[in-house]
Protein backbone atom coordinates (compact mmCIF):
# COMPACT_ATOMS: atom_id res chain seq x y z
CA MET A 1 0.00 0.00 0.00
CA ARG A 2 1.22 3.49 -0.80
CA GLU A 3 2.01 5.91 1.95
CA PRO A 4 -0.49 8.77 2.49
CA ARG A 5 2.15 11.49 1.95
CA LYS A 6 3.06 10.02 -1.45
CA ILE A 7 -0.59 10.01 -2.44
CA GLU A 8 -1.00 13.62 -1.28
CA ALA A 9 2.14 14.68 -3.15
CA ARG A 10 0.91 12.91 -6.27
CA ARG A 11 -2.48 14.67 -6.04
CA LEU A 12 -0.72 18.00 -5.56
CA GLY A 13 1.41 17.24 -8.64
CA ILE A 14 -1.68 16.51 -10.73
CA TYR A 15 -3.32 19.72 -9.49
CA LEU A 16 -0.21 21.76 -10.32
CA VAL A 17 0.00 20.30 -13.82
CA ILE A 18 -3.67 21.16 -14.42
CA LEU A 19 -3.12 24.70 -13.08
CA ALA A 20 -0.09 25.17 -15.35
CA VAL A 21 -2.09 24.08 -18.40
CA VAL A 22 -4.95 26.43 -17.48
CA GLU A 23 -2.47 29.28 -16.96
CA VAL A 24 -0.97 28.72 -20.42
CA ILE A 25 -4.46 28.61 -21.97
CA LEU A 26 -5.39 31.89 -20.27
CA CYS A 27 -2.16 33.45 -21.57
CA PHE A 28 -2.92 32.59 -25.17
CA TRP A 29 -6.68 33.03 -25.08
CA HIS A 30 -7.13 36.52 -26.44
CA GLY A 31 -10.79 36.71 -25.42
CA ALA A 32 -10.04 36.35 -21.71
CA PRO A 33 -9.89 39.59 -19.72
CA PHE A 34 -6.51 40.18 -18.13
CA ILE A 35 -8.01 40.26 -14.66
CA VAL A 36 -8.88 36.54 -14.66
CA ARG A 37 -5.30 35.46 -15.26
CA PRO A 38 -3.82 33.89 -12.13
CA ARG A 39 -0.62 35.94 -12.30
CA VAL A 40 -2.29 39.28 -13.01
CA GLY A 41 -0.02 40.80 -10.38
CA LEU A 42 2.95 40.26 -12.71
CA SER A 43 1.16 42.47 -15.25
CA TYR A 44 0.55 44.99 -12.50
CA VAL A 45 4.23 45.08 -11.48
CA LEU A 46 5.54 45.14 -15.06
CA ALA A 47 3.13 47.93 -15.99
CA GLY A 48 4.40 49.87 -12.97
CA LEU A 49 7.92 49.43 -14.28
CA LYS A 50 6.81 50.76 -17.67
CA ALA A 51 7.65 47.47 -19.37
CA PRO A 52 6.10 46.80 -22.76
CA GLU A 53 3.19 44.55 -21.79
CA ARG A 54 2.91 42.76 -25.11
CA GLN A 55 6.40 41.33 -24.80
CA LEU A 56 7.22 40.81 -21.11
CA VAL A 57 3.90 39.90 -19.53
CA PRO A 58 3.22 36.75 -21.57
CA LEU A 59 6.85 35.78 -21.12
CA ALA A 60 6.65 36.23 -17.33
CA GLU A 61 3.35 34.35 -17.11
CA LEU A 62 4.63 31.56 -19.34
CA THR A 63 7.73 31.28 -17.17
CA SER A 64 5.49 31.02 -14.12
CA ALA A 65 3.36 28.33 -15.79
CA SER A 66 6.47 26.44 -16.89
CA TRP A 67 7.83 26.50 -13.36
CA LEU A 68 4.52 25.18 -12.00
CA LEU A 69 4.53 22.47 -14.66
CA LEU A 70 8.06 21.41 -13.73
CA LEU A 71 7.17 21.30 -10.05
CA GLY A 72 4.00 19.34 -10.80
CA ILE A 73 6.01 16.80 -12.80
CA ALA A 74 8.54 16.61 -9.97
CA PHE A 75 5.72 15.86 -7.52
CA LEU A 76 4.50 13.11 -9.83
CA SER A 77 7.95 11.56 -9.92
CA ALA A 78 9.93 10.36 -6.92
CA TYR A 79 11.23 13.87 -6.09
CA ARG A 80 9.00 15.85 -3.68
CA PRO A 81 10.07 19.54 -3.68
CA ILE A 82 7.54 20.67 -1.09
CA LYS A 83 9.66 23.43 0.48
CA ILE A 84 10.79 24.70 -2.93
CA TYR A 85 7.19 24.83 -4.08
CA ILE A 86 6.02 26.70 -0.98
CA VAL A 87 8.70 29.39 -1.33
CA SER A 88 8.26 29.78 -5.09
CA GLU A 89 4.47 29.93 -4.84
CA ILE A 90 4.64 32.66 -2.23
CA LEU A 91 7.05 34.66 -4.39
CA LEU A 92 4.99 34.16 -7.55
CA ALA A 93 1.70 35.00 -5.82
CA LEU A 94 2.94 38.07 -3.97
CA PRO A 95 2.39 40.54 -6.85
CA THR A 96 -1.15 39.25 -7.40
CA ILE A 97 -1.94 39.43 -3.69
CA LEU A 98 -0.64 43.02 -3.66
CA PHE A 99 -2.76 43.79 -6.74
CA VAL A 100 -5.91 42.37 -5.14
CA GLY A 101 -5.15 44.24 -1.92
CA SER A 102 -4.59 47.56 -3.66
CA LEU A 103 -7.67 47.06 -5.82
CA THR A 104 -9.77 46.29 -2.76
CA ILE A 105 -8.42 49.05 -0.52
CA LEU A 106 -7.58 51.83 -2.96
CA GLY A 107 -9.92 51.01 -5.83
CA GLY A 108 -8.91 50.69 -9.45
CA GLY A 109 -9.07 54.30 -10.52
CA HIS A 110 -11.02 54.97 -13.71
CA VAL A 111 -10.44 51.49 -15.18
CA LEU A 112 -11.47 49.04 -12.46
CA ARG A 113 -13.87 49.14 -9.54
CA ARG A 114 -13.38 47.66 -6.09
CA ALA A 115 -15.92 44.96 -6.97
CA ASP A 116 -13.56 43.82 -9.74
CA ALA A 117 -11.26 42.42 -7.06
CA ALA A 118 -13.51 39.35 -6.81
CA LEU A 119 -12.16 37.71 -9.98
CA PRO A 120 -8.46 37.90 -9.10
CA LEU A 121 -9.34 36.91 -5.54
CA VAL A 122 -10.95 33.71 -6.84
CA ALA A 123 -7.85 33.11 -8.98
CA VAL A 124 -5.62 33.60 -5.91
CA VAL A 125 -7.70 31.10 -3.96
CA LEU A 126 -7.73 28.47 -6.73
CA PHE A 127 -4.18 28.95 -7.99
CA THR A 128 -2.39 29.82 -4.75
CA ALA A 129 -4.26 29.20 -1.50
CA VAL A 130 -5.54 25.71 -2.30
CA PRO A 131 -2.24 24.21 -3.53
CA LEU A 132 -0.21 26.13 -0.94
CA GLY A 133 -2.41 24.86 1.86
CA TRP A 134 -2.13 21.38 0.42
CA ALA A 135 1.67 21.64 0.35
CA VAL A 136 1.84 22.95 3.92
CA PHE A 137 -0.41 20.09 5.04
CA ALA A 138 1.85 17.58 3.25
CA LEU A 139 4.95 19.18 4.78
CA ARG A 140 3.44 19.03 8.26
CA SER A 141 2.45 15.40 7.81
CA VAL A 142 6.01 14.56 6.73
CA SER A 143 7.51 16.43 9.71
CA ASN A 144 4.99 14.83 12.12
CA ARG A 145 5.91 11.36 10.86
CA SER A 146 9.63 12.03 11.24
CA THR A 147 9.26 13.16 14.87
CA THR A 148 7.26 10.12 15.95
């Protein structure tokens, strides 16, 4: 019988692979509004740096999706990079969390309303909070097993 932590890591890997595929689809789907993309905070930061959005934003989001795909594949294999995933997910999600926070607290100016923060908030929950909580749970179960 397989150990529970291996099953949890495998499920997390499958979830990360699915999220990476969805992120790539949202990058290339020209009909999708930018605000539903899971790494909309990268657009927010790059626009603040006056970067040309047409070139850098898809590249940054594709890099993020590729990284998630690699980590998902690693979770599906024998390697379990739980700590690496937790740190990288926090770093990748930070711009989006800041974007949602600023949109909620300060409003979006003449382009977005405060109510528009609901869509990126759902993306943060589905693409960050759920897998991050899953990884923390898996890490705690591994550390609890090693101490007993």
